[in-house]
N, C-alpha and C. Protein backbone atom coordinates (compact mmCIF):
# COMPACT_ATOMS: atom_id res chain seq x y z
N MET A 1 -123.71 -10.46 -56.80
CA MET A 1 -122.69 -10.05 -56.11
C MET A 1 -123.14 -8.44 -56.06
N PRO A 2 -123.51 -7.93 -54.82
CA PRO A 2 -124.28 -6.61 -54.42
C PRO A 2 -122.94 -5.57 -54.99
N LEU A 3 -123.38 -4.60 -55.55
CA LEU A 3 -122.55 -3.33 -56.17
C LEU A 3 -122.38 -2.42 -55.07
N ASN A 4 -121.04 -1.89 -54.79
CA ASN A 4 -120.76 -0.71 -53.85
C ASN A 4 -121.22 0.60 -54.46
N SER A 5 -120.95 1.72 -54.00
CA SER A 5 -121.45 3.08 -54.60
C SER A 5 -120.38 3.47 -55.64
N ARG A 6 -119.36 3.09 -55.68
CA ARG A 6 -118.38 3.28 -56.55
C ARG A 6 -118.68 2.39 -57.91
N GLN A 7 -118.76 1.31 -57.72
CA GLN A 7 -119.08 0.46 -58.81
C GLN A 7 -120.26 0.89 -59.49
N ARG A 8 -121.43 1.12 -58.85
CA ARG A 8 -122.75 1.64 -59.12
C ARG A 8 -122.51 2.83 -59.89
N GLN A 9 -121.71 3.80 -59.47
CA GLN A 9 -121.42 4.83 -60.37
C GLN A 9 -120.69 4.51 -61.66
N PHE A 10 -119.67 3.92 -61.73
CA PHE A 10 -119.09 3.43 -62.70
C PHE A 10 -119.69 2.94 -63.92
N LEU A 11 -121.02 2.09 -63.46
CA LEU A 11 -121.54 1.52 -64.31
C LEU A 11 -122.80 2.54 -64.93
N LYS A 12 -122.92 3.35 -64.04
CA LYS A 12 -123.97 4.24 -64.71
C LYS A 12 -123.37 5.27 -65.74
N GLY A 13 -122.01 5.69 -65.64
CA GLY A 13 -121.30 6.12 -66.68
C GLY A 13 -121.14 5.32 -67.48
N GLU A 14 -120.76 4.04 -67.91
CA GLU A 14 -120.95 3.25 -68.81
C GLU A 14 -121.92 3.07 -69.67
N ALA A 15 -123.23 3.16 -68.68
CA ALA A 15 -124.42 2.90 -69.45
C ALA A 15 -125.15 4.32 -70.04
N HIS A 16 -124.63 5.47 -69.58
CA HIS A 16 -125.06 6.52 -69.97
C HIS A 16 -125.33 6.61 -71.79
N SER A 17 -124.55 6.23 -72.71
CA SER A 17 -124.85 6.41 -73.94
C SER A 17 -125.37 5.05 -74.67
N LEU A 18 -125.88 3.89 -73.91
CA LEU A 18 -126.41 3.00 -74.39
C LEU A 18 -127.80 3.35 -74.65
N ASN A 19 -128.68 2.45 -75.39
CA ASN A 19 -130.02 2.84 -75.85
C ASN A 19 -130.61 1.49 -75.14
N PRO A 20 -132.00 1.49 -75.18
CA PRO A 20 -132.54 0.45 -74.50
C PRO A 20 -132.63 -0.86 -75.47
N VAL A 21 -132.11 -2.26 -74.86
CA VAL A 21 -132.23 -3.40 -75.73
C VAL A 21 -133.48 -4.14 -75.73
N VAL A 22 -133.96 -4.26 -74.52
CA VAL A 22 -135.28 -4.71 -74.16
C VAL A 22 -136.29 -3.89 -73.73
N LEU A 23 -137.55 -4.30 -74.66
CA LEU A 23 -138.69 -3.64 -74.06
C LEU A 23 -139.65 -4.32 -73.16
N LEU A 24 -140.03 -3.87 -72.15
CA LEU A 24 -141.15 -4.62 -71.26
C LEU A 24 -142.52 -3.96 -71.78
N GLY A 25 -143.44 -4.58 -72.18
CA GLY A 25 -144.52 -3.95 -72.57
C GLY A 25 -145.85 -4.02 -71.38
N ASN A 26 -147.17 -4.02 -72.11
CA ASN A 26 -147.97 -3.95 -70.70
C ASN A 26 -148.41 -5.45 -70.31
N ASP A 27 -147.69 -6.37 -71.34
CA ASP A 27 -148.10 -7.49 -70.64
C ASP A 27 -147.36 -7.83 -69.28
N GLY A 28 -146.35 -6.96 -69.08
CA GLY A 28 -145.52 -7.48 -68.14
C GLY A 28 -144.53 -8.30 -68.24
N ILE A 29 -143.87 -8.98 -67.34
CA ILE A 29 -142.89 -10.08 -67.14
C ILE A 29 -143.27 -11.45 -67.85
N THR A 30 -142.86 -11.63 -69.00
CA THR A 30 -143.11 -13.05 -69.60
C THR A 30 -142.25 -13.85 -69.65
N GLU A 31 -142.20 -15.22 -70.09
CA GLU A 31 -141.32 -15.91 -70.47
C GLU A 31 -140.24 -15.48 -71.69
N GLY A 32 -140.86 -15.14 -72.59
CA GLY A 32 -140.19 -14.18 -73.79
C GLY A 32 -139.28 -13.12 -73.59
N VAL A 33 -139.90 -12.46 -72.70
CA VAL A 33 -139.07 -11.44 -72.19
C VAL A 33 -137.87 -11.79 -71.34
N LEU A 34 -138.18 -12.50 -70.38
CA LEU A 34 -136.74 -13.20 -70.02
C LEU A 34 -135.67 -13.96 -70.64
N LYS A 35 -136.21 -14.29 -71.71
CA LYS A 35 -135.03 -15.30 -72.38
C LYS A 35 -134.40 -14.15 -73.24
N GLU A 36 -135.03 -13.17 -73.96
CA GLU A 36 -134.61 -12.34 -74.50
C GLU A 36 -133.39 -11.27 -73.63
N LEU A 37 -133.99 -11.18 -72.30
CA LEU A 37 -133.36 -10.32 -71.35
C LEU A 37 -131.83 -11.26 -70.84
N ASP A 38 -132.17 -12.35 -70.86
CA ASP A 38 -130.69 -13.49 -70.28
C ASP A 38 -130.00 -13.34 -71.78
N SER A 39 -130.16 -13.51 -72.89
CA SER A 39 -129.18 -13.73 -74.10
C SER A 39 -128.69 -12.28 -74.26
N SER A 40 -129.44 -11.22 -73.97
CA SER A 40 -129.04 -9.74 -74.07
C SER A 40 -127.75 -9.55 -72.96
N LEU A 41 -128.09 -10.04 -71.97
CA LEU A 41 -127.29 -9.64 -70.82
C LEU A 41 -125.87 -10.78 -71.05
N GLU A 42 -125.97 -11.85 -71.30
CA GLU A 42 -124.88 -12.76 -71.91
C GLU A 42 -124.11 -11.75 -72.59
N HIS A 43 -124.76 -11.40 -73.73
CA HIS A 43 -123.89 -10.78 -74.87
C HIS A 43 -123.22 -9.51 -74.58
N HIS A 44 -124.08 -8.58 -73.92
CA HIS A 44 -123.85 -7.20 -73.32
C HIS A 44 -123.24 -6.99 -71.99
N GLU A 45 -123.56 -7.75 -71.19
CA GLU A 45 -123.23 -7.39 -69.62
C GLU A 45 -123.93 -6.52 -69.08
N LEU A 46 -124.04 -5.21 -69.55
CA LEU A 46 -124.81 -4.05 -69.10
C LEU A 46 -125.82 -3.48 -70.17
N LEU A 47 -127.11 -3.42 -69.77
CA LEU A 47 -127.98 -2.72 -70.70
C LEU A 47 -129.02 -2.36 -70.15
N LYS A 48 -129.99 -1.51 -71.01
CA LYS A 48 -131.10 -0.81 -70.21
C LYS A 48 -132.21 -1.29 -70.76
N VAL A 49 -133.19 -1.29 -70.02
CA VAL A 49 -134.29 -1.95 -70.38
C VAL A 49 -135.44 -0.66 -70.29
N ARG A 50 -136.28 -0.80 -71.31
CA ARG A 50 -137.67 -0.01 -71.08
C ARG A 50 -138.90 -0.53 -70.49
N VAL A 51 -139.35 0.02 -69.23
CA VAL A 51 -140.57 -0.62 -68.80
C VAL A 51 -141.77 0.46 -68.79
N ASN A 52 -142.37 -0.22 -69.43
CA ASN A 52 -143.70 0.67 -69.77
C ASN A 52 -144.85 0.28 -68.85
N ALA A 53 -144.85 -0.34 -67.96
CA ALA A 53 -146.01 -1.15 -67.09
C ALA A 53 -146.11 -0.18 -65.79
N GLY A 54 -146.85 0.75 -65.92
CA GLY A 54 -147.74 1.23 -64.92
C GLY A 54 -146.51 2.06 -63.86
N ASP A 55 -147.25 2.16 -62.60
CA ASP A 55 -146.49 2.88 -61.68
C ASP A 55 -145.49 2.06 -60.91
N SER A 56 -145.47 0.95 -61.03
CA SER A 56 -144.60 -0.02 -60.54
C SER A 56 -143.38 -0.55 -60.98
N ARG A 57 -142.62 0.60 -61.62
CA ARG A 57 -141.62 0.36 -62.64
C ARG A 57 -140.30 0.04 -61.86
N LYS A 58 -140.14 0.50 -60.45
CA LYS A 58 -138.96 0.21 -60.01
C LYS A 58 -139.00 -1.32 -59.31
N GLU A 59 -140.43 -1.74 -58.91
CA GLU A 59 -140.50 -3.19 -58.52
C GLU A 59 -140.35 -4.12 -59.56
N GLN A 60 -140.94 -3.58 -60.90
CA GLN A 60 -140.89 -4.49 -61.96
C GLN A 60 -139.37 -4.51 -62.40
N ALA A 61 -138.66 -3.46 -62.34
CA ALA A 61 -137.22 -3.62 -62.78
C ALA A 61 -136.25 -4.77 -61.85
N GLN A 62 -136.68 -4.37 -60.47
CA GLN A 62 -135.92 -5.29 -59.47
C GLN A 62 -136.68 -6.84 -59.42
N GLU A 63 -137.41 -6.94 -60.06
CA GLU A 63 -138.17 -8.49 -60.21
C GLU A 63 -137.34 -8.91 -61.59
N LEU A 64 -137.18 -7.87 -62.53
CA LEU A 64 -136.51 -8.69 -63.81
C LEU A 64 -134.94 -8.88 -63.51
N ALA A 65 -134.35 -8.31 -62.65
CA ALA A 65 -133.09 -8.37 -62.34
C ALA A 65 -132.86 -9.75 -61.43
N ASP A 66 -133.76 -9.87 -60.61
CA ASP A 66 -133.91 -10.96 -59.84
C ASP A 66 -133.95 -12.53 -60.59
N ALA A 67 -134.93 -12.31 -61.52
CA ALA A 67 -135.32 -13.42 -62.20
C ALA A 67 -134.18 -13.72 -63.60
N VAL A 68 -133.11 -12.84 -63.57
CA VAL A 68 -132.10 -13.33 -64.50
C VAL A 68 -130.70 -13.46 -63.68
N GLY A 69 -130.91 -12.97 -62.36
CA GLY A 69 -129.28 -13.00 -61.70
C GLY A 69 -128.70 -11.73 -61.91
N ALA A 70 -129.16 -10.61 -62.44
CA ALA A 70 -128.52 -9.27 -62.69
C ALA A 70 -128.88 -8.48 -61.61
N GLU A 71 -127.71 -7.54 -61.38
CA GLU A 71 -128.02 -6.27 -60.33
C GLU A 71 -128.85 -5.31 -61.11
N LEU A 72 -129.58 -4.54 -60.31
CA LEU A 72 -130.21 -3.44 -60.65
C LEU A 72 -129.34 -2.35 -60.35
N VAL A 73 -128.91 -1.53 -61.39
CA VAL A 73 -128.21 -0.24 -61.38
C VAL A 73 -128.55 0.74 -60.94
N GLN A 74 -129.54 1.18 -61.67
CA GLN A 74 -130.51 2.28 -61.56
C GLN A 74 -132.10 2.14 -62.19
N VAL A 75 -132.76 3.01 -61.85
CA VAL A 75 -133.90 3.28 -62.56
C VAL A 75 -134.27 4.89 -62.65
N ILE A 76 -134.33 5.35 -63.48
CA ILE A 76 -134.47 6.63 -63.95
C ILE A 76 -135.74 6.70 -64.96
N GLY A 77 -136.87 7.26 -64.73
CA GLY A 77 -138.36 7.11 -65.33
C GLY A 77 -138.71 5.82 -65.61
N ARG A 78 -138.50 5.75 -67.04
CA ARG A 78 -139.22 4.31 -67.50
C ARG A 78 -137.80 3.40 -68.11
N ILE A 79 -136.73 3.78 -67.46
CA ILE A 79 -135.29 3.13 -68.19
C ILE A 79 -134.86 2.56 -66.83
N ALA A 80 -134.66 1.18 -66.89
CA ALA A 80 -133.73 0.49 -66.09
C ALA A 80 -132.66 0.35 -66.58
N VAL A 81 -131.43 0.41 -65.69
CA VAL A 81 -130.13 -0.35 -66.07
C VAL A 81 -129.81 -1.67 -65.17
N LEU A 82 -129.57 -2.62 -65.88
CA LEU A 82 -129.08 -3.99 -65.51
C LEU A 82 -127.96 -4.24 -65.99
N PHE A 83 -127.04 -4.95 -64.80
CA PHE A 83 -125.63 -5.52 -64.83
C PHE A 83 -125.83 -6.76 -64.39
N ARG A 84 -124.95 -7.97 -65.47
CA ARG A 84 -124.54 -9.08 -65.03
C ARG A 84 -123.00 -9.33 -65.66
N GLN A 85 -122.26 -9.75 -64.62
CA GLN A 85 -120.94 -9.67 -65.37
C GLN A 85 -120.69 -11.23 -65.49
N ARG A 86 -119.82 -11.24 -66.94
CA ARG A 86 -119.53 -12.55 -67.13
C ARG A 86 -118.46 -13.25 -66.13
N LYS A 87 -118.46 -14.67 -66.14
CA LYS A 87 -117.42 -15.12 -65.37
C LYS A 87 -116.24 -15.09 -65.91
N GLN A 88 -115.92 -15.33 -67.26
CA GLN A 88 -114.80 -15.09 -67.95
C GLN A 88 -114.77 -14.10 -69.24
N ASP A 89 -113.78 -13.55 -69.61
CA ASP A 89 -113.73 -12.22 -70.65
C ASP A 89 -115.02 -11.32 -70.44
N SER A 90 -114.99 -10.65 -69.28
CA SER A 90 -115.53 -9.39 -68.90
C SER A 90 -115.06 -8.40 -69.68
N ARG A 91 -116.13 -7.59 -70.19
CA ARG A 91 -115.66 -6.14 -70.81
C ARG A 91 -115.28 -5.39 -69.76
N PHE A 92 -115.95 -5.46 -68.21
CA PHE A 92 -115.85 -4.58 -67.55
C PHE A 92 -115.16 -4.75 -66.19
N VAL A 93 -113.96 -3.89 -65.87
CA VAL A 93 -113.17 -4.06 -64.41
C VAL A 93 -113.74 -3.21 -63.78
N LEU A 94 -114.56 -3.68 -62.51
CA LEU A 94 -115.05 -2.66 -61.68
C LEU A 94 -114.23 -2.30 -60.63
N PRO A 95 -114.24 -0.86 -60.36
CA PRO A 95 -113.63 -0.47 -59.08
C PRO A 95 -113.87 -1.03 -57.76
N ARG A 96 -112.94 -0.97 -57.13
CA ARG A 96 -113.27 -1.92 -55.59
C ARG A 96 -114.02 -0.83 -54.83
């Protein structure tokens, strides 16, 4: 589900106070990182990921989002914000 600008802005505000939950190291995207990211998204829905790998941070963040079926909300510096809404019992009611 692609996010529109209002939804993206809402999620940026919600993510402001969050700390990074998943750290992507120099090894890049591994099976362990994907498992951890998937379980964290299932639990939190919205989370920050610290991407430490080189100049292609935005591309790696998008690759992570695609691999786990999430939406990339934003990338600022080394921090990426990902969102994947639960089918039931979602914490977030997104604006239209």
